[in-house]
N, C-alpha and C. Protein backbone atom coordinates (compact mmCIF):
# COMPACT_ATOMS: atom_id res chain seq x y z
N MET A 1 120.77 90.09 94.71
CA MET A 1 120.23 89.44 93.63
C MET A 1 118.95 90.31 92.93
N SER A 2 118.86 90.04 91.88
CA SER A 2 118.15 90.64 90.91
C SER A 2 116.84 89.93 90.94
N PHE A 3 115.29 90.25 90.41
CA PHE A 3 114.18 89.93 90.47
C PHE A 3 113.35 90.69 89.53
N ALA A 4 114.22 91.11 88.41
CA ALA A 4 113.60 91.31 87.52
C ALA A 4 112.85 90.21 86.25
N THR A 5 111.59 90.77 86.27
CA THR A 5 110.72 89.93 85.60
C THR A 5 111.53 89.37 84.19
N HIS A 6 111.51 87.99 84.38
CA HIS A 6 111.80 87.18 82.89
C HIS A 6 110.96 87.18 82.23
N ARG A 7 111.04 87.24 80.68
CA ARG A 7 110.22 87.28 79.78
C ARG A 7 109.89 85.89 79.57
N LEU A 8 108.13 85.88 79.62
CA LEU A 8 107.65 84.75 79.37
C LEU A 8 107.65 83.84 78.04
N SER A 9 107.33 82.12 78.19
CA SER A 9 107.28 81.83 77.04
C SER A 9 106.61 80.74 76.89
N GLY A 10 106.03 80.35 75.64
CA GLY A 10 105.33 79.20 75.37
C GLY A 10 104.06 79.28 76.01
N SER A 11 103.03 77.95 76.04
CA SER A 11 101.69 77.97 76.11
C SER A 11 101.55 78.92 77.28
N LYS A 12 99.99 79.02 77.58
CA LYS A 12 99.70 80.08 78.73
C LYS A 12 99.98 79.23 79.98
N PRO A 13 99.80 77.94 80.11
CA PRO A 13 99.76 77.13 81.09
C PRO A 13 101.72 77.30 81.73
N GLU A 14 102.15 77.05 80.48
CA GLU A 14 103.79 77.33 81.09
C GLU A 14 104.43 78.37 81.08
N GLN A 15 103.46 79.56 80.83
CA GLN A 15 103.94 80.96 81.20
C GLN A 15 103.58 81.16 82.35
N TYR A 16 102.20 80.31 83.07
CA TYR A 16 101.70 80.49 84.56
C TYR A 16 102.96 79.53 85.66
N ALA A 17 103.62 78.86 84.85
CA ALA A 17 104.37 77.84 85.99
C ALA A 17 105.72 78.98 86.06
N GLN A 18 105.80 79.33 84.65
CA GLN A 18 107.40 80.12 84.94
C GLN A 18 107.07 81.99 85.86
N LEU A 19 105.61 81.97 85.62
CA LEU A 19 105.77 83.24 86.31
C LEU A 19 105.32 82.91 88.16
N ALA A 20 104.68 81.68 88.44
CA ALA A 20 104.31 80.91 89.24
C ALA A 20 106.06 80.89 90.12
N ALA A 21 106.83 80.65 89.42
CA ALA A 21 108.45 80.16 90.14
C ALA A 21 109.01 81.59 90.60
N GLN A 22 109.04 82.75 89.46
CA GLN A 22 109.19 83.86 89.80
C GLN A 22 108.91 84.60 91.20
N ALA A 23 107.34 83.82 91.16
CA ALA A 23 106.81 84.42 92.51
C ALA A 23 107.04 83.91 93.57
N ALA A 24 107.56 82.34 93.79
CA ALA A 24 107.84 81.95 95.08
C ALA A 24 109.16 82.15 95.22
N ALA A 25 110.00 82.71 94.49
CA ALA A 25 111.48 83.01 94.45
C ALA A 25 111.61 84.25 95.32
N LEU A 26 110.44 85.01 94.73
CA LEU A 26 110.01 86.52 95.01
C LEU A 26 109.98 86.63 96.67
N VAL A 27 109.01 85.83 97.11
CA VAL A 27 108.38 85.88 98.51
C VAL A 27 109.00 84.88 99.45
N GLN A 28 110.26 84.20 98.66
CA GLN A 28 111.00 82.87 99.69
C GLN A 28 111.54 83.94 100.32
N GLY A 29 111.12 83.41 101.55
CA GLY A 29 111.98 83.27 103.40
C GLY A 29 111.51 84.58 104.06
N GLU A 30 110.52 85.77 103.08
CA GLU A 30 109.86 86.74 103.91
C GLU A 30 108.30 86.51 104.24
N ALA A 31 107.84 87.00 105.52
CA ALA A 31 106.72 86.88 105.83
C ALA A 31 105.65 87.92 105.90
N ASP A 32 106.37 89.16 105.60
CA ASP A 32 105.36 90.05 105.44
C ASP A 32 104.90 90.21 104.09
N ARG A 33 103.36 90.54 104.67
CA ARG A 33 102.22 90.47 104.00
C ARG A 33 102.37 91.83 102.85
N ILE A 34 102.70 92.70 103.41
CA ILE A 34 102.73 94.17 103.01
C ILE A 34 104.12 93.89 102.21
N ALA A 35 104.98 93.60 102.17
CA ALA A 35 106.34 93.53 101.51
C ALA A 35 105.86 92.48 100.08
N ASN A 36 105.07 91.11 100.04
CA ASN A 36 104.85 90.66 99.52
C ASN A 36 104.07 90.98 98.61
N ALA A 37 102.85 91.30 99.14
CA ALA A 37 101.80 91.81 98.16
C ALA A 37 102.34 92.77 97.02
N ALA A 38 103.77 93.86 97.87
CA ALA A 38 103.82 94.81 96.69
C ALA A 38 104.68 94.26 96.04
N ASN A 39 105.38 93.26 96.19
CA ASN A 39 106.18 92.34 95.36
C ASN A 39 105.31 91.83 94.09
N LEU A 40 104.72 90.93 94.50
CA LEU A 40 103.99 90.24 93.58
C LEU A 40 102.99 91.19 93.08
N ALA A 41 102.49 92.07 93.51
CA ALA A 41 101.64 92.86 92.74
C ALA A 41 102.40 93.33 91.11
N ALA A 42 103.85 93.89 91.46
CA ALA A 42 104.63 94.45 90.45
C ALA A 42 105.20 93.20 89.90
N LEU A 43 105.11 92.10 90.00
CA LEU A 43 105.48 91.03 89.30
C LEU A 43 104.78 90.91 88.12
N VAL A 44 103.06 91.02 88.69
CA VAL A 44 102.32 90.18 87.85
C VAL A 44 101.76 91.35 86.66
N TYR A 45 101.99 92.48 87.30
CA TYR A 45 101.90 93.98 86.39
C TYR A 45 102.30 93.93 85.20
N HIS A 46 103.72 93.37 85.33
CA HIS A 46 104.59 93.92 84.24
C HIS A 46 105.07 92.86 83.74
N ALA A 47 104.46 91.27 83.88
CA ALA A 47 104.74 90.56 83.36
C ALA A 47 103.04 90.39 82.10
N LEU A 48 102.42 90.24 83.13
CA LEU A 48 100.88 89.86 81.84
C LEU A 48 100.50 91.26 80.97
N PRO A 49 99.96 90.82 80.02
CA PRO A 49 99.80 91.93 78.98
C PRO A 49 97.74 92.26 79.14
N ASP A 50 97.70 93.70 79.17
CA ASP A 50 96.41 93.50 78.94
C ASP A 50 96.14 94.27 80.41
N LEU A 51 96.89 94.59 81.29
CA LEU A 51 96.34 94.70 82.68
C LEU A 51 96.30 96.24 83.00
N ASN A 52 95.31 96.57 83.49
CA ASN A 52 95.58 98.26 83.95
C ASN A 52 95.55 98.30 85.59
N TRP A 53 95.18 96.87 86.27
CA TRP A 53 95.25 97.11 88.02
C TRP A 53 95.35 95.99 88.10
N VAL A 54 96.68 95.82 89.09
CA VAL A 54 96.74 94.78 89.93
C VAL A 54 97.17 94.94 91.68
N GLY A 55 96.21 94.45 92.36
CA GLY A 55 96.61 94.75 93.97
C GLY A 55 95.95 93.67 94.60
N PHE A 56 96.00 93.83 95.94
CA PHE A 56 95.64 93.05 97.01
C PHE A 56 94.50 94.24 97.71
N TYR A 57 93.54 93.39 98.21
CA TYR A 57 92.42 94.24 99.60
C TYR A 57 92.80 93.27 100.47
N PHE A 58 92.86 93.66 101.65
CA PHE A 58 92.96 93.01 102.85
C PHE A 58 91.48 93.09 103.97
N TYR A 59 91.54 92.16 104.32
CA TYR A 59 90.06 91.94 105.32
C TYR A 59 90.43 92.35 105.97
N ASP A 60 89.74 93.64 107.04
CA ASP A 60 90.07 94.21 108.46
C ASP A 60 89.38 93.86 109.43
N GLY A 61 88.31 92.57 109.20
CA GLY A 61 87.27 92.27 109.85
C GLY A 61 85.84 92.79 109.65
N ARG A 62 86.15 93.63 108.62
CA ARG A 62 84.70 93.96 108.34
C ARG A 62 84.60 94.62 107.13
N GLU A 63 85.74 94.92 106.34
CA GLU A 63 85.39 95.36 104.78
C GLU A 63 86.85 95.23 104.55
N LEU A 64 86.71 95.06 102.98
CA LEU A 64 88.18 95.41 102.11
C LEU A 64 88.59 96.48 102.22
N VAL A 65 89.86 96.57 102.45
CA VAL A 65 90.83 97.85 102.63
C VAL A 65 91.96 97.81 101.42
N VAL A 66 92.05 98.86 100.57
CA VAL A 66 93.33 98.86 99.59
C VAL A 66 94.69 98.49 100.30
N GLY A 67 95.37 97.47 99.64
CA GLY A 67 96.75 97.14 99.92
C GLY A 67 97.49 97.41 98.67
N PRO A 68 98.77 96.88 98.68
CA PRO A 68 99.95 97.59 97.54
C PRO A 68 99.18 96.68 96.36
N PHE A 69 99.64 97.85 94.89
CA PHE A 69 98.88 97.43 93.75
C PHE A 69 99.79 98.47 93.17
N GLN A 70 99.48 97.91 91.50
CA GLN A 70 100.04 98.71 90.39
C GLN A 70 99.16 99.33 89.65
N GLY A 71 98.68 100.98 89.19
CA GLY A 71 97.58 101.13 88.28
C GLY A 71 97.37 102.05 89.06
N GLN A 72 96.35 102.88 88.31
CA GLN A 72 95.48 103.90 88.82
C GLN A 72 95.36 104.40 90.03
N PRO A 73 94.84 104.83 90.88
CA PRO A 73 94.78 105.07 92.14
C PRO A 73 93.00 104.36 92.43
N ALA A 74 93.12 103.73 93.56
CA ALA A 74 91.72 102.71 93.76
C ALA A 74 90.94 103.19 94.89
N CYS A 75 89.82 102.77 94.90
CA CYS A 75 88.79 102.55 95.98
C CYS A 75 89.85 102.11 97.10
N VAL A 76 89.18 102.78 98.11
CA VAL A 76 89.94 102.51 99.44
C VAL A 76 89.34 101.38 100.39
N ARG A 77 88.07 101.43 100.54
CA ARG A 77 87.19 100.36 101.34
C ARG A 77 85.91 99.84 100.28
N ILE A 78 85.84 98.84 100.46
CA ILE A 78 84.78 97.70 99.69
C ILE A 78 84.29 96.75 100.87
N ALA A 79 83.07 97.23 100.76
CA ALA A 79 82.10 96.30 101.71
C ALA A 79 81.74 95.21 101.06
N LEU A 80 81.68 93.87 102.22
CA LEU A 80 81.34 93.02 101.55
C LEU A 80 80.66 92.31 100.52
N ASP A 81 79.72 92.99 100.31
CA ASP A 81 78.61 92.88 99.61
C ASP A 81 78.67 93.79 98.08
N LYS A 82 79.44 94.79 98.11
CA LYS A 82 79.35 95.52 96.92
C LYS A 82 80.54 94.65 96.06
N GLY A 83 80.69 95.03 94.39
CA GLY A 83 81.70 95.02 93.59
C GLY A 83 82.04 93.50 93.54
N VAL A 84 82.81 93.05 92.93
CA VAL A 84 83.32 92.17 92.06
C VAL A 84 84.17 91.49 93.12
N CYS A 85 84.90 92.31 94.06
CA CYS A 85 86.02 92.31 94.91
C CYS A 85 84.82 91.58 96.53
N GLY A 86 83.96 92.39 96.52
CA GLY A 86 83.33 92.07 97.70
C GLY A 86 82.34 90.85 97.47
N ASN A 87 81.94 90.15 96.34
CA ASN A 87 81.34 89.29 95.97
C ASN A 87 82.63 87.89 95.89
N ALA A 88 83.95 87.96 95.50
CA ALA A 88 84.60 86.95 95.92
C ALA A 88 85.09 86.93 97.44
N ALA A 89 85.26 87.75 98.41
CA ALA A 89 85.20 87.79 99.19
C ALA A 89 84.24 87.12 100.20
N SER A 90 82.70 87.50 99.72
CA SER A 90 81.44 86.95 100.81
C SER A 90 81.36 85.46 100.07
N THR A 91 81.51 85.08 99.11
CA THR A 91 81.46 83.81 98.67
C THR A 91 82.65 83.07 98.87
N ARG A 92 83.62 83.55 98.85
CA ARG A 92 84.85 82.85 99.18
C ARG A 92 85.27 81.76 97.63
N GLN A 93 84.97 82.65 96.37
CA GLN A 93 84.96 81.68 95.63
C GLN A 93 85.72 83.18 94.47
N THR A 94 86.36 82.61 93.28
CA THR A 94 87.10 83.09 92.45
C THR A 94 85.79 84.04 91.50
N GLN A 95 85.85 85.11 91.08
CA GLN A 95 85.31 85.55 90.25
C GLN A 95 85.89 86.35 88.89
N ARG A 96 85.50 85.50 88.05
CA ARG A 96 86.06 86.00 86.33
C ARG A 96 85.13 86.45 85.60
N ILE A 97 85.07 87.92 85.45
CA ILE A 97 83.89 88.54 85.31
C ILE A 97 84.35 89.16 83.45
N ALA A 98 83.64 88.86 82.53
CA ALA A 98 83.82 88.96 81.11
C ALA A 98 84.27 90.50 80.75
N ASP A 99 82.86 90.79 81.30
CA ASP A 99 82.34 92.30 81.14
C ASP A 99 81.98 93.00 82.50
N VAL A 100 82.78 93.93 83.12
CA VAL A 100 82.33 94.11 84.35
C VAL A 100 80.98 95.34 84.31
N GLU A 101 80.96 95.87 83.20
CA GLU A 101 79.91 96.89 82.54
C GLU A 101 78.21 95.75 82.97
N ALA A 102 78.56 94.73 82.94
CA ALA A 102 77.00 93.83 82.93
C ALA A 102 77.01 93.16 84.50
N PHE A 103 77.96 93.43 85.20
CA PHE A 103 78.26 92.91 86.45
C PHE A 103 77.07 94.13 87.56
N PRO A 104 76.07 93.09 88.25
CA PRO A 104 75.15 94.31 88.53
C PRO A 104 76.17 94.64 89.76
N GLY A 105 76.09 95.71 90.10
CA GLY A 105 76.77 96.52 91.43
C GLY A 105 78.33 96.40 91.34
N HIS A 106 78.51 96.36 89.98
CA HIS A 106 80.12 96.91 89.80
C HIS A 106 80.70 98.15 90.15
N ILE A 107 81.67 97.83 91.19
CA ILE A 107 82.50 99.53 91.51
C ILE A 107 83.48 99.68 90.22
N ALA A 108 83.11 101.10 89.70
CA ALA A 108 84.33 101.41 88.82
C ALA A 108 85.09 102.44 89.43
N CYS A 109 86.13 101.49 89.87
CA CYS A 109 87.53 102.26 90.29
C CYS A 109 87.77 103.17 89.38
N ASP A 110 88.21 102.56 88.29
CA ASP A 110 89.32 102.72 86.94
C ASP A 110 88.05 102.89 85.74
N ALA A 111 87.16 103.78 85.24
CA ALA A 111 86.33 103.93 84.25
C ALA A 111 86.85 102.81 83.20
N ALA A 112 88.15 102.52 82.86
CA ALA A 112 88.96 101.94 81.76
C ALA A 112 88.58 100.57 81.77
N SER A 113 88.27 99.76 82.99
CA SER A 113 88.14 98.70 83.20
C SER A 113 87.07 98.06 82.94
N ARG A 114 87.60 96.60 82.20
CA ARG A 114 86.44 96.52 81.01
C ARG A 114 86.02 94.47 81.99
N SER A 115 86.99 93.95 82.27
CA SER A 115 87.23 92.88 82.89
C SER A 115 87.83 92.38 84.24
N GLU A 116 87.53 91.34 84.68
CA GLU A 116 87.98 91.61 86.24
C GLU A 116 87.71 90.22 86.82
N LEU A 117 89.45 89.73 87.25
CA LEU A 117 89.59 88.44 87.91
C LEU A 117 89.84 88.56 89.30
N VAL A 118 88.96 87.97 90.16
CA VAL A 118 89.48 88.33 91.80
C VAL A 118 89.41 86.75 92.26
N VAL A 119 90.51 86.75 92.96
CA VAL A 119 90.94 85.55 93.89
C VAL A 119 90.50 85.82 95.41
N PRO A 120 89.28 85.22 95.95
CA PRO A 120 89.97 85.24 97.22
C PRO A 120 91.04 84.81 97.94
N LEU A 121 91.79 85.26 99.23
CA LEU A 121 92.96 84.99 100.03
C LEU A 121 92.05 84.10 100.87
N LEU A 122 92.43 82.85 101.37
CA LEU A 122 91.88 82.26 102.12
C LEU A 122 92.97 81.40 102.99
N ARG A 123 93.00 81.56 104.08
CA ARG A 123 94.22 80.58 104.97
C ARG A 123 92.68 79.58 105.93
N GLY A 124 92.89 78.56 105.34
CA GLY A 124 91.44 77.84 106.06
C GLY A 124 90.32 78.34 105.40
N ASP A 125 89.39 78.64 106.66
CA ASP A 125 88.25 79.57 106.66
C ASP A 125 88.81 80.96 106.59
N GLN A 126 89.59 81.37 106.87
CA GLN A 126 89.87 82.66 107.51
C GLN A 126 90.48 83.11 106.45
N LEU A 127 89.21 84.53 106.05
CA LEU A 127 89.48 85.32 105.07
C LEU A 127 90.41 86.17 105.30
N ILE A 128 91.67 86.52 104.51
CA ILE A 128 92.72 87.60 104.68
C ILE A 128 92.47 88.45 103.73
N GLY A 129 92.12 88.33 102.51
CA GLY A 129 91.44 89.71 101.54
C GLY A 129 91.33 88.99 100.26
N VAL A 130 91.41 89.55 99.24
CA VAL A 130 91.56 89.28 97.87
C VAL A 130 92.74 89.81 96.93
N PHE A 131 93.14 89.10 95.83
CA PHE A 131 93.99 89.37 94.82
C PHE A 131 93.00 89.94 93.45
N ASP A 132 93.25 91.38 93.33
CA ASP A 132 92.27 91.92 92.17
C ASP A 132 93.35 91.84 91.02
N LEU A 133 92.55 91.94 89.68
CA LEU A 133 93.26 92.41 88.52
C LEU A 133 92.05 93.09 87.62
N ASP A 134 92.46 93.84 86.34
CA ASP A 134 91.42 94.61 86.06
C ASP A 134 91.94 94.65 84.92
N SER A 135 91.68 94.49 83.86
CA SER A 135 91.89 94.71 82.13
C SER A 135 91.20 96.24 81.17
N PRO A 136 91.21 96.76 80.58
CA PRO A 136 90.93 97.48 79.45
C PRO A 136 90.30 96.96 78.65
N ARG A 137 90.41 95.43 78.49
CA ARG A 137 89.61 94.53 77.41
C ARG A 137 88.50 93.82 77.85
N VAL A 138 87.55 93.70 77.21
CA VAL A 138 86.52 92.80 77.66
C VAL A 138 87.20 91.40 77.45
N ASP A 139 86.45 90.35 78.32
CA ASP A 139 87.01 89.35 78.31
C ASP A 139 88.59 88.82 78.25
N ARG A 140 88.94 89.79 79.13
CA ARG A 140 90.72 89.22 79.03
C ARG A 140 91.33 87.91 79.59
N PHE A 141 90.12 87.59 81.19
CA PHE A 141 91.00 86.27 81.38
C PHE A 141 90.01 85.07 81.13
N ASP A 142 90.64 84.03 80.97
CA ASP A 142 90.08 82.70 80.56
C ASP A 142 90.35 81.89 81.84
N ALA A 143 90.10 80.64 81.75
CA ALA A 143 90.30 79.35 82.74
C ALA A 143 91.80 79.05 82.89
N HIS A 144 92.75 79.32 81.94
CA HIS A 144 94.16 79.67 82.20
C HIS A 144 94.84 80.62 83.33
N ASP A 145 94.50 81.84 82.90
CA ASP A 145 94.32 82.52 83.52
C ASP A 145 94.07 82.67 84.86
N GLN A 146 92.80 82.47 84.91
CA GLN A 146 92.06 81.66 86.53
C GLN A 146 93.21 81.14 87.46
N ALA A 147 93.35 79.94 86.82
CA ALA A 147 93.98 79.04 87.46
C ALA A 147 95.54 78.91 87.65
N GLY A 148 96.27 80.02 86.77
CA GLY A 148 97.65 80.78 87.17
C GLY A 148 97.54 81.63 88.20
N LEU A 149 96.32 82.41 87.90
CA LEU A 149 96.81 83.45 89.06
C LEU A 149 95.98 82.72 90.68
N GLU A 150 95.57 81.90 90.58
CA GLU A 150 94.69 81.34 91.98
C GLU A 150 96.06 80.70 92.54
N THR A 151 97.22 80.23 91.60
CA THR A 151 98.43 79.60 92.08
C THR A 151 99.12 80.67 92.63
N ILE A 152 99.41 82.18 91.79
CA ILE A 152 100.03 83.17 92.86
C ILE A 152 99.22 83.57 93.92
N ALA A 153 98.21 83.65 94.23
CA ALA A 153 97.16 83.88 95.37
C ALA A 153 97.69 82.69 96.51
N ARG A 154 97.76 81.52 95.91
CA ARG A 154 98.16 80.70 97.26
C ARG A 154 99.37 80.65 97.55
N ILE A 155 100.68 81.05 96.46
CA ILE A 155 101.55 81.23 97.01
C ILE A 155 102.03 82.25 97.71
N PHE A 156 101.11 83.35 97.50
CA PHE A 156 101.07 84.77 98.75
C PHE A 156 100.77 84.06 100.02
N VAL A 157 99.86 83.70 99.87
CA VAL A 157 98.91 83.18 101.35
C VAL A 157 99.93 82.23 102.05
N GLU A 158 100.61 81.08 100.84
CA GLU A 158 101.64 80.32 101.58
C GLU A 158 102.77 81.07 102.42
N SER A 159 103.08 82.21 101.75
CA SER A 159 104.17 82.88 102.43
C SER A 159 104.15 83.74 103.56
N LEU A 160 102.82 83.97 103.83
CA LEU A 160 102.26 84.16 105.50
C LEU A 160 102.60 83.64 106.51
N ALA A 161 102.87 81.99 106.33
CA ALA A 161 102.48 80.94 107.47
C ALA A 161 104.10 81.04 107.81
């Protein structure tokens, strides 16, 4: 079975519905978090424009540790009180940052990144990690992106059950 990314079409919500369907098919029947994170990072990275990093950080009980991703080499460990990823993990709320240079404590793993969206990965109250997307374009992510990428994150978490 081929899982090549199909060209997304229509409005942004329609594109995210298509991407969610592809993501669900990709993880169907697989519960391994590394396998699913790797495939979802690749799917999103290649499907959406203007991204320079897409990946997962997993919570090890103390800090976030880099998992599967697409893009330049990344920071390996992030404390829960540091950067956009740490903020998403500690507040358990999606962080949509229009200009990372204006975010206090931003961690510049890739100097080309200008905007960021980070979705916490939660199973009930349990923090699993975060789904992190960076763009070289200021204000890359809007409410449609946030909703669509929160759906992809939910598909990932549900695949682990």
